[in-house]
PDB file of N, CA and C in Angstrom:
ATOM      1  N   MET A   1     -15.241  12.320  11.391  1.00  0.00           N
ATOM      2  CA  MET A   1     -13.814  11.612  11.049  1.00  0.00           C
ATOM      3  C   MET A   1     -12.684  10.370  11.090  1.00  0.00           C
ATOM      4  N   LYS A   2     -13.424   9.195  11.540  1.00  0.00           N
ATOM      5  CA  LYS A   2     -13.388   8.318  11.433  1.00  0.00           C
ATOM      6  C   LYS A   2     -13.644   7.436  10.411  1.00  0.00           C
ATOM      7  N   LYS A   3     -14.417   7.646   9.731  1.00  0.00           N
ATOM      8  CA  LYS A   3     -14.767   7.291   8.488  1.00  0.00           C
ATOM      9  C   LYS A   3     -12.768   7.744   7.341  1.00  0.00           C
ATOM     10  N   ILE A   4     -12.497   8.383   7.797  1.00  0.00           N
ATOM     11  CA  ILE A   4     -11.322   9.381   6.930  1.00  0.00           C
ATOM     12  C   ILE A   4     -10.196   8.670   7.392  1.00  0.00           C
ATOM     13  N   ILE A   5     -10.160   8.601   9.172  1.00  0.00           N
ATOM     14  CA  ILE A   5      -9.361   7.742   9.682  1.00  0.00           C
ATOM     15  C   ILE A   5      -9.133   6.248   9.311  1.00  0.00           C
ATOM     16  N   GLY A   6      -9.978   5.835   8.807  1.00  0.00           N
ATOM     17  CA  GLY A   6     -10.393   4.602   9.113  1.00  0.00           C
ATOM     18  C   GLY A   6      -9.861   3.627   7.109  1.00  0.00           C
ATOM     19  N   LEU A   7     -10.276   4.948   6.364  1.00  0.00           N
ATOM     20  CA  LEU A   7      -9.855   4.589   4.986  1.00  0.00           C
ATOM     21  C   LEU A   7      -8.505   4.902   4.812  1.00  0.00           C
ATOM     22  N   LEU A   8      -7.830   5.923   5.492  1.00  0.00           N
ATOM     23  CA  LEU A   8      -6.402   5.823   5.906  1.00  0.00           C
ATOM     24  C   LEU A   8      -5.465   4.470   6.243  1.00  0.00           C
ATOM     25  N   ALA A   9      -6.337   3.974   7.570  1.00  0.00           N
ATOM     26  CA  ALA A   9      -5.842   3.137   7.950  1.00  0.00           C
ATOM     27  C   ALA A   9      -5.184   1.768   6.981  1.00  0.00           C
ATOM     28  N   VAL A  10      -6.614   1.541   6.268  1.00  0.00           N
ATOM     29  CA  VAL A  10      -6.672   0.138   5.079  1.00  0.00           C
ATOM     30  C   VAL A  10      -6.592   0.687   3.992  1.00  0.00           C
ATOM     31  N   SER A  11      -5.972   1.972   3.633  1.00  0.00           N
ATOM     32  CA  SER A  11      -5.135   2.233   2.218  1.00  0.00           C
ATOM     33  C   SER A  11      -3.894   2.059   2.759  1.00  0.00           C
ATOM     34  N   ALA A  12      -3.081   1.967   4.014  1.00  0.00           N
ATOM     35  CA  ALA A  12      -1.698   2.293   4.266  1.00  0.00           C
ATOM     36  C   ALA A  12      -1.541   0.567   4.669  1.00  0.00           C
ATOM     37  N   LEU A  13      -2.727  -0.414   5.142  1.00  0.00           N
ATOM     38  CA  LEU A  13      -2.122  -1.967   4.977  1.00  0.00           C
ATOM     39  C   LEU A  13      -2.525  -2.344   3.932  1.00  0.00           C
ATOM     40  N   ILE A  14      -3.113  -1.729   3.010  1.00  0.00           N
ATOM     41  CA  ILE A  14      -2.722  -2.621   1.331  1.00  0.00           C
ATOM     42  C   ILE A  14      -1.982  -1.860   0.523  1.00  0.00           C
ATOM     43  N   GLY A  15      -1.168  -0.481   0.852  1.00  0.00           N
ATOM     44  CA  GLY A  15      -0.355  -0.636   0.825  1.00  0.00           C
ATOM     45  C   GLY A  15       1.327  -1.670   1.244  1.00  0.00           C
ATOM     46  N   LEU A  16       1.554  -1.914   2.262  1.00  0.00           N
ATOM     47  CA  LEU A  16       2.185  -2.534   2.820  1.00  0.00           C
ATOM     48  C   LEU A  16       1.775  -3.896   2.504  1.00  0.00           C
ATOM     49  N   VAL A  17       0.991  -4.557   2.157  1.00  0.00           N
ATOM     50  CA  VAL A  17       0.664  -5.887   2.045  1.00  0.00           C
ATOM     51  C   VAL A  17       0.895  -5.800   0.745  1.00  0.00           C
ATOM     52  N   GLY A  18       1.253  -4.961  -0.504  1.00  0.00           N
ATOM     53  CA  GLY A  18       1.254  -5.232  -1.792  1.00  0.00           C
ATOM     54  C   GLY A  18       2.300  -5.491  -1.648  1.00  0.00           C
ATOM     55  N   CYS A  19       3.704  -5.584  -0.648  1.00  0.00           N
ATOM     56  CA  CYS A  19       4.897  -5.784  -1.043  1.00  0.00           C
ATOM     57  C   CYS A  19       4.578  -7.528  -0.529  1.00  0.00           C
ATOM     58  N   ALA A  20       4.013  -7.696  -0.102  1.00  0.00           N
ATOM     59  CA  ALA A  20       3.993  -8.842   0.158  1.00  0.00           C
ATOM     60  C   ALA A  20       3.489  -9.931  -0.336  1.00  0.00           C
ATOM     61  N   LYS A  21       4.803 -10.810  -0.775  1.00  0.00           N
ATOM     62  CA  LYS A  21       4.540 -11.860  -1.771  1.00  0.00           C
ATOM     63  C   LYS A  21       5.981 -12.384  -2.676  1.00  0.00           C
ATOM     64  N   THR A  22       5.250 -13.525  -3.015  1.00  0.00           N
ATOM     65  CA  THR A  22       6.960 -14.068  -3.886  1.00  0.00           C
ATOM     66  C   THR A  22       6.935 -13.881  -5.220  1.00  0.00           C
ATOM     67  N   ASP A  23       8.663 -13.341  -5.380  1.00  0.00           N
ATOM     68  CA  ASP A  23       8.558 -12.690  -6.510  1.00  0.00           C
ATOM     69  C   ASP A  23       9.924 -13.957  -7.732  1.00  0.00           C
ATOM     70  N   PRO A  24       8.854 -13.545  -8.698  1.00  0.00           N
ATOM     71  CA  PRO A  24      10.152 -14.788  -9.717  1.00  0.00           C
ATOM     72  C   PRO A  24      11.326 -14.557  -9.947  1.00  0.00           C
ATOM     73  N   TYR A  25      12.204 -12.783  -9.364  1.00  0.00           N
ATOM     74  CA  TYR A  25      13.117 -12.187 -10.258  1.00  0.00           C
ATOM     75  C   TYR A  25      13.968 -13.209  -9.772  1.00  0.00           C
ATOM     76  N   THR A  26      15.019 -13.556 -10.971  1.00  0.00           N
ATOM     77  CA  THR A  26      16.290 -13.747 -11.122  1.00  0.00           C
ATOM     78  C   THR A  26      17.444 -13.429 -11.551  1.00  0.00           C
ATOM     79  N   PRO A  27      18.694 -12.884 -11.026  1.00  0.00           N
ATOM     80  CA  PRO A  27      19.309 -12.252 -11.274  1.00  0.00           C
ATOM     81  C   PRO A  27      20.140 -13.443 -12.214  1.00  0.00           C
ATOM     82  N   ALA A  28      21.579 -12.450 -12.970  1.00  0.00           N
ATOM     83  CA  ALA A  28      22.549 -13.010 -13.626  1.00  0.00           C
ATOM     84  C   ALA A  28      22.965 -13.045 -12.974  1.00  0.00           C
ATOM     85  N   ALA A  29      23.868 -13.966 -13.583  1.00  0.00           N
ATOM     86  CA  ALA A  29      24.955 -15.071 -12.657  1.00  0.00           C
ATOM     87  C   ALA A  29      25.517 -13.823 -11.972  1.00  0.00           C
ATOM     88  N   ASP A  30      25.761 -13.182 -12.782  1.00  0.00           N
ATOM     89  CA  ASP A  30      27.016 -11.995 -13.172  1.00  0.00           C
ATOM     90  C   ASP A  30      26.662 -10.648 -12.739  1.00  0.00           C
ATOM     91  N   ALA A  31      25.097 -10.438 -12.330  1.00  0.00           N
ATOM     92  CA  ALA A  31      24.610  -9.079 -11.363  1.00  0.00           C
ATOM     93  C   ALA A  31      25.832  -8.955 -10.155  1.00  0.00           C
ATOM     94  N   SER A  32      25.679  -7.537 -10.399  1.00  0.00           N
ATOM     95  CA  SER A  32      26.127  -6.924  -8.936  1.00  0.00           C
ATOM     96  C   SER A  32      25.533  -6.768  -8.566  1.00  0.00           C
ATOM     97  N   GLY A  33      25.780  -6.443  -6.527  1.00  0.00           N
ATOM     98  CA  GLY A  33      24.651  -6.520  -5.586  1.00  0.00           C
ATOM     99  C   GLY A  33      23.712  -5.458  -6.112  1.00  0.00           C
ATOM    100  N   GLU A  34      24.832  -4.043  -6.841  1.00  0.00           N
ATOM    101  CA  GLU A  34      24.313  -2.540  -6.839  1.00  0.00           C
ATOM    102  C   GLU A  34      22.720  -3.009  -7.834  1.00  0.00           C
ATOM    103  N   ASP A  35      23.252  -3.296  -8.625  1.00  0.00           N
ATOM    104  CA  ASP A  35      22.037  -3.381  -9.071  1.00  0.00           C
ATOM    105  C   ASP A  35      20.897  -4.890  -9.620  1.00  0.00           C
ATOM    106  N   ILE A  36      21.419  -5.504  -8.682  1.00  0.00           N
ATOM    107  CA  ILE A  36      20.121  -6.633  -7.848  1.00  0.00           C
ATOM    108  C   ILE A  36      19.378  -5.435  -7.061  1.00  0.00           C
ATOM    109  N   PHE A  37      20.130  -4.525  -6.559  1.00  0.00           N
ATOM    110  CA  PHE A  37      19.749  -3.630  -5.062  1.00  0.00           C
ATOM    111  C   PHE A  37      18.143  -2.660  -5.942  1.00  0.00           C
ATOM    112  N   TYR A  38      19.056  -2.260  -6.812  1.00  0.00           N
ATOM    113  CA  TYR A  38      17.763  -1.215  -8.000  1.00  0.00           C
ATOM    114  C   TYR A  38      16.723  -1.668  -8.832  1.00  0.00           C
ATOM    115  N   ALA A  39      17.483  -3.629  -9.454  1.00  0.00           N
ATOM    116  CA  ALA A  39      16.591  -3.755 -10.222  1.00  0.00           C
ATOM    117  C   ALA A  39      15.118  -3.790  -8.856  1.00  0.00           C
ATOM    118  N   ASN A  40      15.355  -4.713  -7.755  1.00  0.00           N
ATOM    119  CA  ASN A  40      14.338  -5.123  -7.022  1.00  0.00           C
ATOM    120  C   ASN A  40      14.300  -4.455  -6.128  1.00  0.00           C
ATOM    121  N   CYS A  41      14.710  -3.938  -4.688  1.00  0.00           N
ATOM    122  CA  CYS A  41      14.509  -3.423  -3.391  1.00  0.00           C
ATOM    123  C   CYS A  41      13.916  -2.330  -3.241  1.00  0.00           C
ATOM    124  N   THR A  42      14.378  -1.342  -4.070  1.00  0.00           N
ATOM    125  CA  THR A  42      13.800   0.178  -4.070  1.00  0.00           C
ATOM    126  C   THR A  42      12.728   0.079  -4.914  1.00  0.00           C
ATOM    127  N   LYS A  43      12.038  -0.974  -5.059  1.00  0.00           N
ATOM    128  CA  LYS A  43      10.613  -1.080  -5.354  1.00  0.00           C
ATOM    129  C   LYS A  43      10.037  -1.236  -3.681  1.00  0.00           C
ATOM    130  N   CYS A  44      10.323  -1.134  -2.841  1.00  0.00           N
ATOM    131  CA  CYS A  44       9.910  -0.561  -1.258  1.00  0.00           C
ATOM    132  C   CYS A  44      10.565   0.210  -0.804  1.00  0.00           C
ATOM    133  N   HIS A  45      11.583  -0.206  -0.323  1.00  0.00           N
ATOM    134  CA  HIS A  45      13.212   0.832   0.286  1.00  0.00           C
ATOM    135  C   HIS A  45      14.040   1.146  -1.197  1.00  0.00           C
ATOM    136  N   LYS A  46      13.786   2.507  -0.590  1.00  0.00           N
ATOM    137  CA  LYS A  46      14.161   3.654  -1.154  1.00  0.00           C
ATOM    138  C   LYS A  46      14.851   4.078  -0.500  1.00  0.00           C
ATOM    139  N   PRO A  47      15.851   4.633  -1.376  1.00  0.00           N
ATOM    140  CA  PRO A  47      17.038   4.967  -0.059  1.00  0.00           C
ATOM    141  C   PRO A  47      17.349   6.788   0.170  1.00  0.00           C
ATOM    142  N   GLU A  48      18.181   6.161   1.188  1.00  0.00           N
ATOM    143  CA  GLU A  48      17.975   7.383   2.150  1.00  0.00           C
ATOM    144  C   GLU A  48      18.039   9.036   1.798  1.00  0.00           C
ATOM    145  N   ASN A  49      18.142   9.672   2.097  1.00  0.00           N
ATOM    146  CA  ASN A  49      18.828  11.041   2.116  1.00  0.00           C
ATOM    147  C   ASN A  49      20.439  11.161   1.464  1.00  0.00           C
ATOM    148  N   ASP A  50      20.724  10.693   2.625  1.00  0.00           N
ATOM    149  CA  ASP A  50      22.465  10.735   2.620  1.00  0.00           C
ATOM    150  C   ASP A  50      23.504   9.764   1.867  1.00  0.00           C
ATOM    151  N   GLY A  51      22.827   8.828   0.704  1.00  0.00           N
ATOM    152  CA  GLY A  51      22.882   7.844   0.088  1.00  0.00           C
ATOM    153  C   GLY A  51      23.323   6.882   0.771  1.00  0.00           C
ATOM    154  N   LYS A  52      22.518   6.756   2.184  1.00  0.00           N
ATOM    155  CA  LYS A  52      22.195   5.231   2.220  1.00  0.00           C
ATOM    156  C   LYS A  52      21.409   4.195   1.753  1.00  0.00           C
ATOM    157  N   VAL A  53      21.478   3.079   1.226  1.00  0.00           N
ATOM    158  CA  VAL A  53      20.406   2.861   1.075  1.00  0.00           C
ATOM    159  C   VAL A  53      19.383   1.818   1.871  1.00  0.00           C
ATOM    160  N   MET A  54      19.754   2.300   3.634  1.00  0.00           N
ATOM    161  CA  MET A  54      18.815   1.590   5.102  1.00  0.00           C
ATOM    162  C   MET A  54      19.505   1.000   5.847  1.00  0.00           C
ATOM    163  N   SER A  55      18.281   1.839   7.254  1.00  0.00           N
ATOM    164  CA  SER A  55      19.177   1.574   7.622  1.00  0.00           C
ATOM    165  C   SER A  55      19.170  -0.023   8.626  1.00  0.00           C
ATOM    166  N   LEU A  56      19.622  -0.745   9.226  1.00  0.00           N
ATOM    167  CA  LEU A  56      19.704  -1.785   9.459  1.00  0.00           C
ATOM    168  C   LEU A  56      19.837  -2.108  11.487  1.00  0.00           C
ATOM    169  N   SER A  57      19.509  -2.833  10.922  1.00  0.00           N
ATOM    170  CA  SER A  57      19.258  -2.882  12.575  1.00  0.00           C
ATOM    171  C   SER A  57      20.338  -4.310  13.413  1.00  0.00           C
ATOM    172  N   ALA A  58      20.506  -4.167  14.466  1.00  0.00           N
ATOM    173  CA  ALA A  58      21.838  -5.453  14.904  1.00  0.00           C
ATOM    174  C   ALA A  58      21.369  -7.021  13.896  1.00  0.00           C
ATOM    175  N   LYS A  59      20.215  -6.700  14.731  1.00  0.00           N
ATOM    176  CA  LYS A  59      20.188  -8.186  13.110  1.00  0.00           C
ATOM    177  C   LYS A  59      20.533  -8.939  12.916  1.00  0.00           C
ATOM    178  N   MET A  60      20.140  -7.593  12.127  1.00  0.00           N
ATOM    179  CA  MET A  60      20.300  -7.750  10.155  1.00  0.00           C
ATOM    180  C   MET A  60      21.523  -7.769   9.593  1.00  0.00           C
ATOM    181  N   SER A  61      22.222  -6.909  10.713  1.00  0.00           N
ATOM    182  CA  SER A  61      24.223  -6.474  10.235  1.00  0.00           C
ATOM    183  C   SER A  61      24.750  -7.614  10.181  1.00  0.00           C
ATOM    184  N   THR A  62      24.386  -8.894   9.381  1.00  0.00           N
ATOM    185  CA  THR A  62      25.097 -10.412   8.439  1.00  0.00           C
ATOM    186  C   THR A  62      24.704 -10.064   7.728  1.00  0.00           C
ATOM    187  N   LYS A  63      26.012 -11.002   6.692  1.00  0.00           N
ATOM    188  CA  LYS A  63      25.312 -11.231   5.357  1.00  0.00           C
ATOM    189  C   LYS A  63      24.371 -12.519   5.232  1.00  0.00           C
ATOM    190  N   GLU A  64      24.390 -12.983   6.589  1.00  0.00           N
ATOM    191  CA  GLU A  64      23.968 -14.511   6.093  1.00  0.00           C
ATOM    192  C   GLU A  64      22.264 -14.306   6.650  1.00  0.00           C
ATOM    193  N   ALA A  65      22.148 -12.711   8.006  1.00  0.00           N
ATOM    194  CA  ALA A  65      20.729 -12.935   8.146  1.00  0.00           C
ATOM    195  C   ALA A  65      20.069 -12.135   6.274  1.00  0.00           C
ATOM    196  N   ILE A  66      20.765 -10.574   6.427  1.00  0.00           N
ATOM    197  CA  ILE A  66      20.470 -10.149   4.556  1.00  0.00           C
ATOM    198  C   ILE A  66      19.843 -11.185   3.687  1.00  0.00           C
ATOM    199  N   ILE A  67      20.169 -12.115   3.289  1.00  0.00           N
ATOM    200  CA  ILE A  67      20.122 -13.576   2.653  1.00  0.00           C
ATOM    201  C   ILE A  67      19.015 -14.367   3.361  1.00  0.00           C
ATOM    202  N   GLU A  68      18.747 -14.497   3.908  1.00  0.00           N
ATOM    203  CA  GLU A  68      17.657 -15.461   4.485  1.00  0.00           C
ATOM    204  C   GLU A  68      16.721 -14.060   4.534  1.00  0.00           C
ATOM    205  N   LYS A  69      16.113 -13.471   5.040  1.00  0.00           N
ATOM    206  CA  LYS A  69      15.805 -12.236   4.908  1.00  0.00           C
ATOM    207  C   LYS A  69      15.409 -12.102   3.140  1.00  0.00           C
ATOM    208  N   VAL A  70      16.080 -11.954   2.480  1.00  0.00           N
ATOM    209  CA  VAL A  70      15.776 -11.818   0.794  1.00  0.00           C
ATOM    210  C   VAL A  70      15.034 -12.712   0.299  1.00  0.00           C
ATOM    211  N   GLN A  71      15.752 -14.268   0.478  1.00  0.00           N
ATOM    212  CA  GLN A  71      14.824 -15.736   0.007  1.00  0.00           C
ATOM    213  C   GLN A  71      13.785 -15.090   0.546  1.00  0.00           C
ATOM    214  N   LYS A  72      13.205 -15.828   1.932  1.00  0.00           N
ATOM    215  CA  LYS A  72      12.196 -16.331   3.062  1.00  0.00           C
ATOM    216  C   LYS A  72      11.343 -14.395   2.693  1.00  0.00           C
ATOM    217  N   GLY A  73      11.210 -13.457   2.759  1.00  0.00           N
ATOM    218  CA  GLY A  73      10.689 -12.607   3.109  1.00  0.00           C
ATOM    219  C   GLY A  73      10.520 -12.217   3.862  1.00  0.00           C
ATOM    220  N   GLY A  74       9.467 -11.008   4.325  1.00  0.00           N
ATOM    221  CA  GLY A  74       8.759 -10.816   5.780  1.00  0.00           C
ATOM    222  C   GLY A  74       7.570 -10.782   5.393  1.00  0.00           C
ATOM    223  N   MET A  75       6.410 -10.085   7.022  1.00  0.00           N
ATOM    224  CA  MET A  75       5.319  -9.586   6.895  1.00  0.00           C
ATOM    225  C   MET A  75       5.213  -8.281   5.919  1.00  0.00           C
ATOM    226  N   THR A  76       5.548  -7.507   5.511  1.00  0.00           N
ATOM    227  CA  THR A  76       5.611  -6.876   4.381  1.00  0.00           C
ATOM    228  C   THR A  76       6.604  -6.856   3.328  1.00  0.00           C
ATOM    229  N   MET A  77       7.297  -8.009   3.317  1.00  0.00           N
ATOM    230  CA  MET A  77       8.503  -8.161   2.248  1.00  0.00           C
ATOM    231  C   MET A  77       8.266  -9.061   1.048  1.00  0.00           C
ATOM    232  N   SER A  78       8.357  -8.889   0.694  1.00  0.00           N
ATOM    233  CA  SER A  78       8.457 -10.046  -1.173  1.00  0.00           C
ATOM    234  C   SER A  78       9.877 -11.202  -0.589  1.00  0.00           C
ATOM    235  N   SER A  79       9.604 -11.901  -0.563  1.00  0.00           N
ATOM    236  CA  SER A  79      10.557 -13.157  -0.831  1.00  0.00           C
ATOM    237  C   SER A  79      10.847 -13.361  -2.109  1.00  0.00           C
ATOM    238  N   PHE A  80      12.380 -13.545  -2.222  1.00  0.00           N
ATOM    239  CA  PHE A  80      13.116 -13.526  -3.605  1.00  0.00           C
ATOM    240  C   PHE A  80      14.146 -14.514  -3.227  1.00  0.00           C
ATOM    241  N   PRO A  81      12.957 -16.193  -3.338  1.00  0.00           N
ATOM    242  CA  PRO A  81      13.433 -17.306  -3.910  1.00  0.00           C
ATOM    243  C   PRO A  81      15.203 -17.599  -4.600  1.00  0.00           C
ATOM    244  N   ASN A  82      14.924 -16.897  -5.843  1.00  0.00           N
ATOM    245  CA  ASN A  82      15.883 -17.477  -7.294  1.00  0.00           C
ATOM    246  C   ASN A  82      17.071 -16.232  -6.762  1.00  0.00           C
ATOM    247  N   ILE A  83      16.992 -15.623  -5.691  1.00  0.00           N
ATOM    248  CA  ILE A  83      18.531 -14.748  -5.340  1.00  0.00           C
ATOM    249  C   ILE A  83      19.194 -15.652  -4.493  1.00  0.00           C
ATOM    250  N   THR A  84      20.237 -16.331  -5.050  1.00  0.00           N
ATOM    251  CA  THR A  84      21.282 -17.131  -4.238  1.00  0.00           C
ATOM    252  C   THR A  84      22.444 -17.645  -5.066  1.00  0.00           C
ATOM    253  N   GLY A  85      23.344 -17.807  -4.212  1.00  0.00           N
ATOM    254  CA  GLY A  85      24.459 -17.723  -4.633  1.00  0.00           C
ATOM    255  C   GLY A  85      25.553 -17.182  -4.503  1.00  0.00           C
ATOM    256  N   GLU A  86      26.668 -16.916  -5.289  1.00  0.00           N
ATOM    257  CA  GLU A  86      27.538 -15.346  -5.069  1.00  0.00           C
ATOM    258  C   GLU A  86      26.116 -14.223  -5.485  1.00  0.00           C
ATOM    259  N   PRO A  87      25.003 -14.433  -6.341  1.00  0.00           N
ATOM    260  CA  PRO A  87      24.996 -12.835  -6.543  1.00  0.00           C
ATOM    261  C   PRO A  87      24.023 -12.792  -5.179  1.00  0.00           C
ATOM    262  N   ALA A  88      23.678 -14.049  -4.260  1.00  0.00           N
ATOM    263  CA  ALA A  88      23.088 -13.808  -3.318  1.00  0.00           C
ATOM    264  C   ALA A  88      24.135 -12.419  -2.632  1.00  0.00           C
ATOM    265  N   GLN A  89      25.384 -13.140  -2.782  1.00  0.00           N
ATOM    266  CA  GLN A  89      26.211 -13.089  -1.641  1.00  0.00           C
ATOM    267  C   GLN A  89      27.107 -10.953  -2.014  1.00  0.00           C
ATOM    268  N   ARG A  90      26.238 -11.462  -2.896  1.00  0.00           N
ATOM    269  CA  ARG A  90      26.749  -9.752  -3.533  1.00  0.00           C
ATOM    270  C   ARG A  90      25.623  -9.135  -3.188  1.00  0.00           C
ATOM    271  N   LEU A  91      24.978  -9.388  -3.272  1.00  0.00           N
ATOM    272  CA  LEU A  91      23.895  -7.821  -2.937  1.00  0.00           C
ATOM    273  C   LEU A  91      23.861  -7.906  -1.194  1.00  0.00           C
ATOM    274  N   ALA A  92      24.173  -8.820  -0.499  1.00  0.00           N
ATOM    275  CA  ALA A  92      23.995  -8.940   1.002  1.00  0.00           C
ATOM    276  C   ALA A  92      25.282  -7.866   0.799  1.00  0.00           C
ATOM    277  N   GLU A  93      26.215  -8.199   0.518  1.00  0.00           N
ATOM    278  CA  GLU A  93      27.574  -7.135   0.385  1.00  0.00           C
ATOM    279  C   GLU A  93      27.413  -5.616   0.091  1.00  0.00           C
ATOM    280  N   PHE A  94      26.844  -5.195  -0.741  1.00  0.00           N
ATOM    281  CA  PHE A  94      26.102  -4.200  -0.922  1.00  0.00           C
ATOM    282  C   PHE A  94      25.591  -3.276   0.027  1.00  0.00           C
ATOM    283  N   VAL A  95      24.600  -4.224   0.773  1.00  0.00           N
ATOM    284  CA  VAL A  95      23.781  -3.921   1.991  1.00  0.00           C
ATOM    285  C   VAL A  95      24.728  -3.693   2.516  1.00  0.00           C
ATOM    286  N   LEU A  96      24.841  -4.006   3.410  1.00  0.00           N
ATOM    287  CA  LEU A  96      25.945  -3.505   4.476  1.00  0.00           C
ATOM    288  C   LEU A  96      26.944  -2.390   4.256  1.00  0.00           C
ATOM    289  N   LYS A  97      27.687  -2.614   2.772  1.00  0.00           N
ATOM    290  CA  LYS A  97      28.682  -1.775   2.559  1.00  0.00           C
ATOM    291  C   LYS A  97      27.778  -0.403   2.537  1.00  0.00           C
ATOM    292  N   ASN A  98      26.651   0.164   1.892  1.00  0.00           N
ATOM    293  CA  ASN A  98      25.963   0.874   2.305  1.00  0.00           C
ATOM    294  C   ASN A  98      24.217   1.208   3.023  1.00  0.00           C
ATOM    295  N   SER A  99      24.771   0.579   4.314  1.00  0.00           N
ATOM    296  CA  SER A  99      23.689   1.176   4.930  1.00  0.00           C
ATOM    297  C   SER A  99      24.336   1.592   6.802  1.00  0.00           C
ATOM    298  N   ARG A 100      23.183   2.110   7.302  1.00  0.00           N
ATOM    299  CA  ARG A 100      23.869   2.438   8.702  1.00  0.00           C
ATOM    300  C   ARG A 100      23.118   2.138   9.846  1.00  0.00           C
ATOM    301  N   ALA A 101      23.836   1.468  10.747  1.00  0.00           N
ATOM    302  CA  ALA A 101      22.921   0.724  12.145  1.00  0.00           C
ATOM    303  C   ALA A 101      21.910   1.860  12.971  1.00  0.00           C
ATOM    304  N   LYS A 102      21.254   1.071  12.636  1.00  0.00           N
ATOM    305  CA  LYS A 102      20.047   1.371  13.861  1.00  0.00           C
ATOM    306  C   LYS A 102      20.447   2.492  14.920  1.00  0.00           C
TER     307      LYS A 102
END
């Protein structure tokens, strides 16, 4: 039983680490926030059953915080350093408009 639990834990960790890297994606200058989200973010962030794209903590409920997280990534989140300028603004606006607060 301990071996099975260990295998499951290692598998889960590998799955989480698989999303943590730098992604070279560069959106088109006129890409909408929705296009950027569905082209990249849904690789790891699956929209919720009620149509909301994700739940945001109070700390992540500003455009600036979302853009920083997208560009720098996190422990298990890929960084997208090429999502900048207006496309980054549009992505952050889309996420804020279509998410719920935790």
